[in-house]
PDB file of N, CA and C in Angstrom:
ATOM      1  N   UNK A   1       7.396  -9.717   1.129  1.00  0.00           N
ATOM      2  CA  UNK A   1       8.056  -9.036   1.636  1.00  0.00           C
ATOM      3  C   UNK A   1       9.253  -9.384   2.562  1.00  0.00           C
ATOM      4  N   UNK A   2       9.741  -8.513   3.066  1.00  0.00           N
ATOM      5  CA  UNK A   2      10.847  -8.589   4.375  1.00  0.00           C
ATOM      6  C   UNK A   2       8.896  -7.964   5.384  1.00  0.00           C
ATOM      7  N   UNK A   3      10.043  -9.236   6.328  1.00  0.00           N
ATOM      8  CA  UNK A   3       9.270  -9.465   7.791  1.00  0.00           C
ATOM      9  C   UNK A   3      10.832  -8.759   8.572  1.00  0.00           C
ATOM     10  N   UNK A   4       9.870  -8.324   9.782  1.00  0.00           N
ATOM     11  CA  UNK A   4      10.686  -7.118  10.517  1.00  0.00           C
ATOM     12  C   UNK A   4      10.034  -7.571  11.845  1.00  0.00           C
ATOM     13  N   UNK A   5      11.230  -8.348  12.976  1.00  0.00           N
ATOM     14  CA  UNK A   5      10.676  -8.581  14.597  1.00  0.00           C
ATOM     15  C   UNK A   5      10.018  -7.168  15.368  1.00  0.00           C
ATOM     16  N   UNK A   6       8.293  -7.396  15.616  1.00  0.00           N
ATOM     17  CA  UNK A   6       7.631  -6.334  16.245  1.00  0.00           C
ATOM     18  C   UNK A   6       6.612  -5.161  15.843  1.00  0.00           C
ATOM     19  N   UNK A   7       6.387  -6.107  14.364  1.00  0.00           N
ATOM     20  CA  UNK A   7       5.922  -5.784  13.750  1.00  0.00           C
ATOM     21  C   UNK A   7       4.853  -6.476  13.491  1.00  0.00           C
ATOM     22  N   UNK A   8       3.779  -7.782  14.271  1.00  0.00           N
ATOM     23  CA  UNK A   8       3.663  -8.871  13.002  1.00  0.00           C
ATOM     24  C   UNK A   8       2.122  -8.447  13.486  1.00  0.00           C
ATOM     25  N   UNK A   9       1.412  -7.620  14.681  1.00  0.00           N
ATOM     26  CA  UNK A   9       0.902  -6.662  14.145  1.00  0.00           C
ATOM     27  C   UNK A   9       0.329  -5.715  12.949  1.00  0.00           C
ATOM     28  N   UNK A  10       1.209  -5.135  13.337  1.00  0.00           N
ATOM     29  CA  UNK A  10       0.438  -3.561  11.278  1.00  0.00           C
ATOM     30  C   UNK A  10       1.633  -5.581  10.085  1.00  0.00           C
ATOM     31  N   UNK A  11       2.089  -5.646   9.670  1.00  0.00           N
ATOM     32  CA  UNK A  11       2.070  -7.282   8.915  1.00  0.00           C
ATOM     33  C   UNK A  11       1.119  -7.195   8.680  1.00  0.00           C
ATOM     34  N   UNK A  12       0.019  -8.710   9.897  1.00  0.00           N
ATOM     35  CA  UNK A  12      -0.699  -9.390   9.939  1.00  0.00           C
ATOM     36  C   UNK A  12      -2.243  -8.297   9.633  1.00  0.00           C
ATOM     37  N   UNK A  13      -2.012  -7.573   9.661  1.00  0.00           N
ATOM     38  CA  UNK A  13      -3.116  -6.308   9.913  1.00  0.00           C
ATOM     39  C   UNK A  13      -3.460  -6.541   7.996  1.00  0.00           C
ATOM     40  N   UNK A  14      -2.187  -6.295   7.702  1.00  0.00           N
ATOM     41  CA  UNK A  14      -1.520  -5.686   5.917  1.00  0.00           C
ATOM     42  C   UNK A  14      -1.900  -6.594   4.636  1.00  0.00           C
ATOM     43  N   UNK A  15      -1.711  -7.268   5.301  1.00  0.00           N
ATOM     44  CA  UNK A  15      -2.387  -8.962   4.472  1.00  0.00           C
ATOM     45  C   UNK A  15      -3.474  -9.926   4.735  1.00  0.00           C
ATOM     46  N   UNK A  16      -4.793  -9.493   5.950  1.00  0.00           N
ATOM     47  CA  UNK A  16      -6.055  -8.946   6.398  1.00  0.00           C
ATOM     48  C   UNK A  16      -6.805  -8.396   5.130  1.00  0.00           C
ATOM     49  N   UNK A  17      -6.190  -7.223   4.509  1.00  0.00           N
ATOM     50  CA  UNK A  17      -6.420  -6.403   4.276  1.00  0.00           C
ATOM     51  C   UNK A  17      -6.222  -6.709   2.989  1.00  0.00           C
ATOM     52  N   UNK A  18      -5.162  -6.891   2.219  1.00  0.00           N
ATOM     53  CA  UNK A  18      -5.034  -7.678   1.129  1.00  0.00           C
ATOM     54  C   UNK A  18      -6.574  -8.482   0.019  1.00  0.00           C
ATOM     55  N   UNK A  19      -6.289  -9.479   1.055  1.00  0.00           N
ATOM     56  CA  UNK A  19      -7.213 -10.641   0.894  1.00  0.00           C
ATOM     57  C   UNK A  19      -8.841 -10.176   0.713  1.00  0.00           C
ATOM     58  N   UNK A  20      -8.983  -9.284   2.036  1.00  0.00           N
ATOM     59  CA  UNK A  20     -10.232  -8.167   1.844  1.00  0.00           C
ATOM     60  C   UNK A  20     -10.443  -8.067   0.383  1.00  0.00           C
ATOM     61  N   UNK A  21      -9.461  -7.038  -0.016  1.00  0.00           N
ATOM     62  CA  UNK A  21      -9.494  -6.269  -0.941  1.00  0.00           C
ATOM     63  C   UNK A  21      -9.663  -7.649  -2.412  1.00  0.00           C
ATOM     64  N   UNK A  22      -8.869  -8.723  -2.412  1.00  0.00           N
ATOM     65  CA  UNK A  22      -9.218  -9.506  -3.747  1.00  0.00           C
ATOM     66  C   UNK A  22     -10.426  -9.904  -3.496  1.00  0.00           C
ATOM     67  N   UNK A  23     -11.079 -10.274  -2.155  1.00  0.00           N
ATOM     68  CA  UNK A  23     -12.470 -10.501  -2.063  1.00  0.00           C
ATOM     69  C   UNK A  23     -13.941  -9.808  -2.915  1.00  0.00           C
ATOM     70  N   UNK A  24     -12.898  -8.413  -2.277  1.00  0.00           N
ATOM     71  CA  UNK A  24     -14.394  -7.185  -2.766  1.00  0.00           C
ATOM     72  C   UNK A  24     -14.261  -7.221  -4.312  1.00  0.00           C
ATOM     73  N   UNK A  25     -13.176  -7.491  -5.236  1.00  0.00           N
ATOM     74  CA  UNK A  25     -13.235  -6.659  -6.636  1.00  0.00           C
ATOM     75  C   UNK A  25     -14.132  -8.348  -7.203  1.00  0.00           C
ATOM     76  N   UNK A  26     -13.175  -9.387  -6.335  1.00  0.00           N
ATOM     77  CA  UNK A  26     -14.504 -10.538  -7.651  1.00  0.00           C
ATOM     78  C   UNK A  26     -15.380 -10.651  -6.661  1.00  0.00           C
ATOM     79  N   UNK A  27     -16.035 -10.286  -5.781  1.00  0.00           N
ATOM     80  CA  UNK A  27     -18.120  -9.874  -5.381  1.00  0.00           C
ATOM     81  C   UNK A  27     -18.253  -8.456  -6.530  1.00  0.00           C
ATOM     82  N   UNK A  28     -17.898  -8.309  -6.482  1.00  0.00           N
ATOM     83  CA  UNK A  28     -18.273  -6.451  -7.204  1.00  0.00           C
ATOM     84  C   UNK A  28     -17.539  -6.387  -9.212  1.00  0.00           C
ATOM     85  N   UNK A  29     -17.265  -7.329  -9.363  1.00  0.00           N
ATOM     86  CA  UNK A  29     -16.339  -7.151 -10.640  1.00  0.00           C
ATOM     87  C   UNK A  29     -17.671  -6.942 -11.698  1.00  0.00           C
ATOM     88  N   UNK A  30     -18.914  -6.906 -11.422  1.00  0.00           N
ATOM     89  CA  UNK A  30     -19.218  -6.466 -12.749  1.00  0.00           C
ATOM     90  C   UNK A  30     -20.322  -5.601 -12.314  1.00  0.00           C
ATOM     91  N   UNK A  31     -20.396  -4.831 -11.539  1.00  0.00           N
ATOM     92  CA  UNK A  31     -21.208  -3.523 -11.517  1.00  0.00           C
ATOM     93  C   UNK A  31     -20.813  -2.920 -10.337  1.00  0.00           C
ATOM     94  N   UNK A  32     -19.574  -3.030  -9.909  1.00  0.00           N
ATOM     95  CA  UNK A  32     -19.508  -2.316  -8.938  1.00  0.00           C
ATOM     96  C   UNK A  32     -17.993  -1.499  -8.804  1.00  0.00           C
ATOM     97  N   UNK A  33     -17.751  -0.664  -7.417  1.00  0.00           N
ATOM     98  CA  UNK A  33     -16.201  -0.684  -7.954  1.00  0.00           C
ATOM     99  C   UNK A  33     -14.606  -0.895  -8.070  1.00  0.00           C
ATOM    100  N   UNK A  34     -14.165  -0.726  -8.153  1.00  0.00           N
ATOM    101  CA  UNK A  34     -12.791  -1.215  -8.287  1.00  0.00           C
ATOM    102  C   UNK A  34     -12.051  -1.597  -6.961  1.00  0.00           C
ATOM    103  N   UNK A  35     -11.111  -2.289  -5.946  1.00  0.00           N
ATOM    104  CA  UNK A  35     -11.122  -2.902  -5.818  1.00  0.00           C
ATOM    105  C   UNK A  35      -9.049  -3.216  -4.982  1.00  0.00           C
ATOM    106  N   UNK A  36      -8.183  -2.410  -5.301  1.00  0.00           N
ATOM    107  CA  UNK A  36      -6.849  -2.537  -5.592  1.00  0.00           C
ATOM    108  C   UNK A  36      -5.873  -2.387  -4.315  1.00  0.00           C
ATOM    109  N   UNK A  37      -5.138  -2.447  -3.576  1.00  0.00           N
ATOM    110  CA  UNK A  37      -4.509  -2.317  -3.055  1.00  0.00           C
ATOM    111  C   UNK A  37      -2.675  -1.903  -3.240  1.00  0.00           C
ATOM    112  N   UNK A  38      -2.448  -0.211  -2.821  1.00  0.00           N
ATOM    113  CA  UNK A  38      -1.454  -0.850  -3.365  1.00  0.00           C
ATOM    114  C   UNK A  38      -0.614  -0.388  -1.787  1.00  0.00           C
ATOM    115  N   UNK A  39       0.516  -1.587  -2.046  1.00  0.00           N
ATOM    116  CA  UNK A  39       1.506  -1.816  -0.748  1.00  0.00           C
ATOM    117  C   UNK A  39       2.774  -0.747  -0.995  1.00  0.00           C
ATOM    118  N   UNK A  40       3.068   0.005  -0.417  1.00  0.00           N
ATOM    119  CA  UNK A  40       3.490   1.212  -0.399  1.00  0.00           C
ATOM    120  C   UNK A  40       4.988   0.976   0.086  1.00  0.00           C
ATOM    121  N   UNK A  41       6.565   1.149  -0.387  1.00  0.00           N
ATOM    122  CA  UNK A  41       7.422   1.146   0.147  1.00  0.00           C
ATOM    123  C   UNK A  41       7.626   1.859   1.075  1.00  0.00           C
ATOM    124  N   UNK A  42       8.504   2.449   1.219  1.00  0.00           N
ATOM    125  CA  UNK A  42       9.788   3.578   2.144  1.00  0.00           C
ATOM    126  C   UNK A  42       9.401   4.840   1.691  1.00  0.00           C
ATOM    127  N   UNK A  43       8.514   5.021   3.051  1.00  0.00           N
ATOM    128  CA  UNK A  43       8.079   6.750   2.613  1.00  0.00           C
ATOM    129  C   UNK A  43       8.523   7.543   4.452  1.00  0.00           C
ATOM    130  N   UNK A  44       9.139   8.507   3.864  1.00  0.00           N
ATOM    131  CA  UNK A  44       9.300   9.183   4.763  1.00  0.00           C
ATOM    132  C   UNK A  44       8.509   9.640   5.652  1.00  0.00           C
ATOM    133  N   UNK A  45       8.197   8.864   6.936  1.00  0.00           N
ATOM    134  CA  UNK A  45       6.875   9.671   8.389  1.00  0.00           C
ATOM    135  C   UNK A  45       7.679   9.503   9.406  1.00  0.00           C
ATOM    136  N   UNK A  46       7.355   9.831  10.425  1.00  0.00           N
ATOM    137  CA  UNK A  46       6.822   9.241  11.958  1.00  0.00           C
ATOM    138  C   UNK A  46       7.645   8.424  12.564  1.00  0.00           C
ATOM    139  N   UNK A  47       6.054   7.402  11.809  1.00  0.00           N
ATOM    140  CA  UNK A  47       5.854   6.242  11.832  1.00  0.00           C
ATOM    141  C   UNK A  47       7.720   4.958  11.234  1.00  0.00           C
ATOM    142  N   UNK A  48       8.574   6.018   9.772  1.00  0.00           N
ATOM    143  CA  UNK A  48       9.663   4.568   9.832  1.00  0.00           C
ATOM    144  C   UNK A  48      10.155   5.925  10.337  1.00  0.00           C
ATOM    145  N   UNK A  49      10.575   6.600  11.135  1.00  0.00           N
ATOM    146  CA  UNK A  49      11.965   7.679  11.797  1.00  0.00           C
ATOM    147  C   UNK A  49      11.551   6.086  13.360  1.00  0.00           C
ATOM    148  N   UNK A  50      10.918   5.981  13.574  1.00  0.00           N
ATOM    149  CA  UNK A  50      10.215   5.191  15.264  1.00  0.00           C
ATOM    150  C   UNK A  50      11.071   3.854  14.771  1.00  0.00           C
ATOM    151  N   UNK A  51      10.032   2.874  13.467  1.00  0.00           N
ATOM    152  CA  UNK A  51      10.426   1.858  13.235  1.00  0.00           C
ATOM    153  C   UNK A  51      12.050   1.218  13.004  1.00  0.00           C
ATOM    154  N   UNK A  52      12.840   2.266  11.825  1.00  0.00           N
ATOM    155  CA  UNK A  52      14.213   2.514  11.427  1.00  0.00           C
ATOM    156  C   UNK A  52      14.877   3.295  12.036  1.00  0.00           C
ATOM    157  N   UNK A  53      15.202   3.982  12.328  1.00  0.00           N
ATOM    158  CA  UNK A  53      15.567   5.158  12.859  1.00  0.00           C
ATOM    159  C   UNK A  53      17.310   5.274  12.203  1.00  0.00           C
ATOM    160  N   UNK A  54      17.469   6.671  11.254  1.00  0.00           N
ATOM    161  CA  UNK A  54      18.144   6.819  10.902  1.00  0.00           C
ATOM    162  C   UNK A  54      18.490   6.465   9.243  1.00  0.00           C
ATOM    163  N   UNK A  55      16.855   5.317   8.718  1.00  0.00           N
ATOM    164  CA  UNK A  55      16.702   5.315   7.846  1.00  0.00           C
ATOM    165  C   UNK A  55      15.987   6.689   7.062  1.00  0.00           C
ATOM    166  N   UNK A  56      16.792   6.785   5.219  1.00  0.00           N
ATOM    167  CA  UNK A  56      15.851   8.051   4.561  1.00  0.00           C
ATOM    168  C   UNK A  56      15.132   7.291   3.986  1.00  0.00           C
ATOM    169  N   UNK A  57      14.059   7.919   3.779  1.00  0.00           N
ATOM    170  CA  UNK A  57      13.775   6.461   2.536  1.00  0.00           C
ATOM    171  C   UNK A  57      13.321   7.594   1.549  1.00  0.00           C
ATOM    172  N   UNK A  58      13.846   7.321  -0.212  1.00  0.00           N
ATOM    173  CA  UNK A  58      13.534   8.001  -0.995  1.00  0.00           C
ATOM    174  C   UNK A  58      12.032   8.726  -1.554  1.00  0.00           C
ATOM    175  N   UNK A  59      10.620   8.932  -0.456  1.00  0.00           N
ATOM    176  CA  UNK A  59       9.841   9.454  -0.500  1.00  0.00           C
ATOM    177  C   UNK A  59       9.841   9.739   0.282  1.00  0.00           C
ATOM    178  N   UNK A  60       8.513  11.242  -0.421  1.00  0.00           N
ATOM    179  CA  UNK A  60       8.544  11.918   0.447  1.00  0.00           C
ATOM    180  C   UNK A  60       6.989  11.902   1.102  1.00  0.00           C
ATOM    181  N   UNK A  61       6.354  12.055   2.075  1.00  0.00           N
ATOM    182  CA  UNK A  61       4.375  11.972   1.760  1.00  0.00           C
ATOM    183  C   UNK A  61       3.647  12.618   1.257  1.00  0.00           C
ATOM    184  N   UNK A  62       5.042  13.366   1.277  1.00  0.00           N
ATOM    185  CA  UNK A  62       3.759  14.730   0.119  1.00  0.00           C
ATOM    186  C   UNK A  62       3.942  13.782  -1.610  1.00  0.00           C
ATOM    187  N   UNK A  63       4.646  13.783  -1.573  1.00  0.00           N
ATOM    188  CA  UNK A  63       4.920  12.644  -3.139  1.00  0.00           C
ATOM    189  C   UNK A  63       3.926  11.254  -2.675  1.00  0.00           C
ATOM    190  N   UNK A  64       4.725  10.664  -2.354  1.00  0.00           N
ATOM    191  CA  UNK A  64       3.352   9.678  -1.329  1.00  0.00           C
ATOM    192  C   UNK A  64       1.832   9.448  -1.789  1.00  0.00           C
ATOM    193  N   UNK A  65       1.222  10.949  -1.147  1.00  0.00           N
ATOM    194  CA  UNK A  65       0.210  11.188  -0.991  1.00  0.00           C
ATOM    195  C   UNK A  65      -0.077  11.596  -2.458  1.00  0.00           C
ATOM    196  N   UNK A  66       0.616  12.759  -2.752  1.00  0.00           N
ATOM    197  CA  UNK A  66       0.056  12.462  -4.402  1.00  0.00           C
ATOM    198  C   UNK A  66      -0.070  11.476  -5.867  1.00  0.00           C
ATOM    199  N   UNK A  67       0.633  11.430  -5.521  1.00  0.00           N
ATOM    200  CA  UNK A  67       0.027   9.552  -5.818  1.00  0.00           C
ATOM    201  C   UNK A  67      -0.589   8.508  -5.752  1.00  0.00           C
ATOM    202  N   UNK A  68      -0.720   8.840  -4.306  1.00  0.00           N
ATOM    203  CA  UNK A  68      -2.074   8.319  -4.021  1.00  0.00           C
ATOM    204  C   UNK A  68      -3.306   8.460  -4.828  1.00  0.00           C
ATOM    205  N   UNK A  69      -3.528   9.947  -4.767  1.00  0.00           N
ATOM    206  CA  UNK A  69      -4.486  10.934  -4.535  1.00  0.00           C
ATOM    207  C   UNK A  69      -4.960  10.772  -6.022  1.00  0.00           C
ATOM    208  N   UNK A  70      -4.174  10.730  -6.637  1.00  0.00           N
ATOM    209  CA  UNK A  70      -4.171  10.124  -7.759  1.00  0.00           C
ATOM    210  C   UNK A  70      -4.474   9.085  -8.939  1.00  0.00           C
ATOM    211  N   UNK A  71      -4.230   8.147  -8.390  1.00  0.00           N
ATOM    212  CA  UNK A  71      -4.372   6.400  -8.028  1.00  0.00           C
ATOM    213  C   UNK A  71      -6.238   6.620  -7.267  1.00  0.00           C
ATOM    214  N   UNK A  72      -6.185   7.145  -6.879  1.00  0.00           N
ATOM    215  CA  UNK A  72      -7.516   7.063  -6.195  1.00  0.00           C
ATOM    216  C   UNK A  72      -8.133   7.306  -7.721  1.00  0.00           C
ATOM    217  N   UNK A  73      -8.372   8.369  -8.165  1.00  0.00           N
ATOM    218  CA  UNK A  73      -8.784   8.922  -9.185  1.00  0.00           C
ATOM    219  C   UNK A  73      -8.894   7.886 -10.586  1.00  0.00           C
ATOM    220  N   UNK A  74      -8.088   7.015 -11.019  1.00  0.00           N
ATOM    221  CA  UNK A  74      -7.409   6.974 -12.293  1.00  0.00           C
ATOM    222  C   UNK A  74      -7.282   4.965 -12.139  1.00  0.00           C
ATOM    223  N   UNK A  75      -6.638   5.258 -10.657  1.00  0.00           N
ATOM    224  CA  UNK A  75      -6.016   3.453 -11.005  1.00  0.00           C
ATOM    225  C   UNK A  75      -6.756   2.587 -11.841  1.00  0.00           C
ATOM    226  N   UNK A  76      -7.947   2.432 -11.302  1.00  0.00           N
ATOM    227  CA  UNK A  76      -9.308   1.817 -11.521  1.00  0.00           C
ATOM    228  C   UNK A  76      -9.565   1.244 -12.883  1.00  0.00           C
ATOM    229  N   UNK A  77      -9.492   2.209 -13.676  1.00  0.00           N
ATOM    230  CA  UNK A  77      -8.803   2.263 -15.527  1.00  0.00           C
ATOM    231  C   UNK A  77      -8.889   1.148 -15.664  1.00  0.00           C
ATOM    232  N   UNK A  78      -7.373   1.226 -14.816  1.00  0.00           N
ATOM    233  CA  UNK A  78      -7.228  -0.514 -15.740  1.00  0.00           C
ATOM    234  C   UNK A  78      -6.525  -1.553 -14.674  1.00  0.00           C
ATOM    235  N   UNK A  79      -7.133  -0.766 -13.346  1.00  0.00           N
ATOM    236  CA  UNK A  79      -6.657  -2.404 -12.368  1.00  0.00           C
ATOM    237  C   UNK A  79      -8.031  -2.543 -11.538  1.00  0.00           C
ATOM    238  N   UNK A  80      -7.955  -3.287 -11.185  1.00  0.00           N
ATOM    239  CA  UNK A  80      -9.007  -4.761 -10.113  1.00  0.00           C
ATOM    240  C   UNK A  80      -8.663  -5.889  -9.408  1.00  0.00           C
ATOM    241  N   UNK A  81      -8.496  -5.113  -8.446  1.00  0.00           N
ATOM    242  CA  UNK A  81      -8.038  -7.105  -7.264  1.00  0.00           C
ATOM    243  C   UNK A  81      -7.478  -7.001  -7.629  1.00  0.00           C
ATOM    244  N   UNK A  82      -6.276  -5.463  -7.873  1.00  0.00           N
ATOM    245  CA  UNK A  82      -4.497  -6.124  -7.393  1.00  0.00           C
ATOM    246  C   UNK A  82      -3.693  -5.936  -6.558  1.00  0.00           C
ATOM    247  N   UNK A  83      -2.987  -5.883  -5.985  1.00  0.00           N
ATOM    248  CA  UNK A  83      -1.510  -5.477  -5.090  1.00  0.00           C
ATOM    249  C   UNK A  83      -0.352  -5.141  -5.776  1.00  0.00           C
ATOM    250  N   UNK A  84      -0.664  -3.963  -5.826  1.00  0.00           N
ATOM    251  CA  UNK A  84       0.390  -3.156  -7.102  1.00  0.00           C
ATOM    252  C   UNK A  84       1.716  -1.952  -5.673  1.00  0.00           C
ATOM    253  N   UNK A  85       3.010  -2.958  -6.585  1.00  0.00           N
ATOM    254  CA  UNK A  85       3.724  -2.792  -5.598  1.00  0.00           C
ATOM    255  C   UNK A  85       4.265  -0.694  -5.795  1.00  0.00           C
ATOM    256  N   UNK A  86       4.284   0.080  -4.834  1.00  0.00           N
ATOM    257  CA  UNK A  86       4.412   1.267  -5.036  1.00  0.00           C
ATOM    258  C   UNK A  86       6.195   1.926  -4.066  1.00  0.00           C
ATOM    259  N   UNK A  87       6.872   2.221  -4.807  1.00  0.00           N
ATOM    260  CA  UNK A  87       8.536   2.862  -4.519  1.00  0.00           C
ATOM    261  C   UNK A  87       9.470   2.604  -5.205  1.00  0.00           C
ATOM    262  N   UNK A  88      10.336   3.159  -4.509  1.00  0.00           N
ATOM    263  CA  UNK A  88      12.133   2.948  -5.623  1.00  0.00           C
ATOM    264  C   UNK A  88      12.809   2.297  -4.243  1.00  0.00           C
ATOM    265  N   UNK A  89      12.192   1.979  -3.098  1.00  0.00           N
ATOM    266  CA  UNK A  89      12.746   0.986  -1.725  1.00  0.00           C
ATOM    267  C   UNK A  89      12.151   0.620  -0.731  1.00  0.00           C
ATOM    268  N   UNK A  90      12.143  -0.655  -0.571  1.00  0.00           N
ATOM    269  CA  UNK A  90      11.149  -0.774   0.968  1.00  0.00           C
ATOM    270  C   UNK A  90      12.858  -1.149   1.406  1.00  0.00           C
ATOM    271  N   UNK A  91      12.676  -1.299   3.158  1.00  0.00           N
ATOM    272  CA  UNK A  91      13.928  -1.236   3.839  1.00  0.00           C
ATOM    273  C   UNK A  91      13.594  -2.713   4.625  1.00  0.00           C
TER     274      UNK A  91
END
């Protein structure tokens, strides 16, 4: 993914979460819950506006929230231990 100056702590924590997700999926694969990571592209939020002034994302927070809620209920049917890119674009 694209790297941006000033976001090292944010990006590092995302990498750690991806690794933890893959490990948990392996540990619980026999009879536990599913674990997946949704790597969200650009979503129109206050954080995006602060990080990239003037950038207009193609997805609203409400649209992405609805997608995430649906995935939380149904995504484990087809995925476990996966990093899934979600979005129409990434800044």
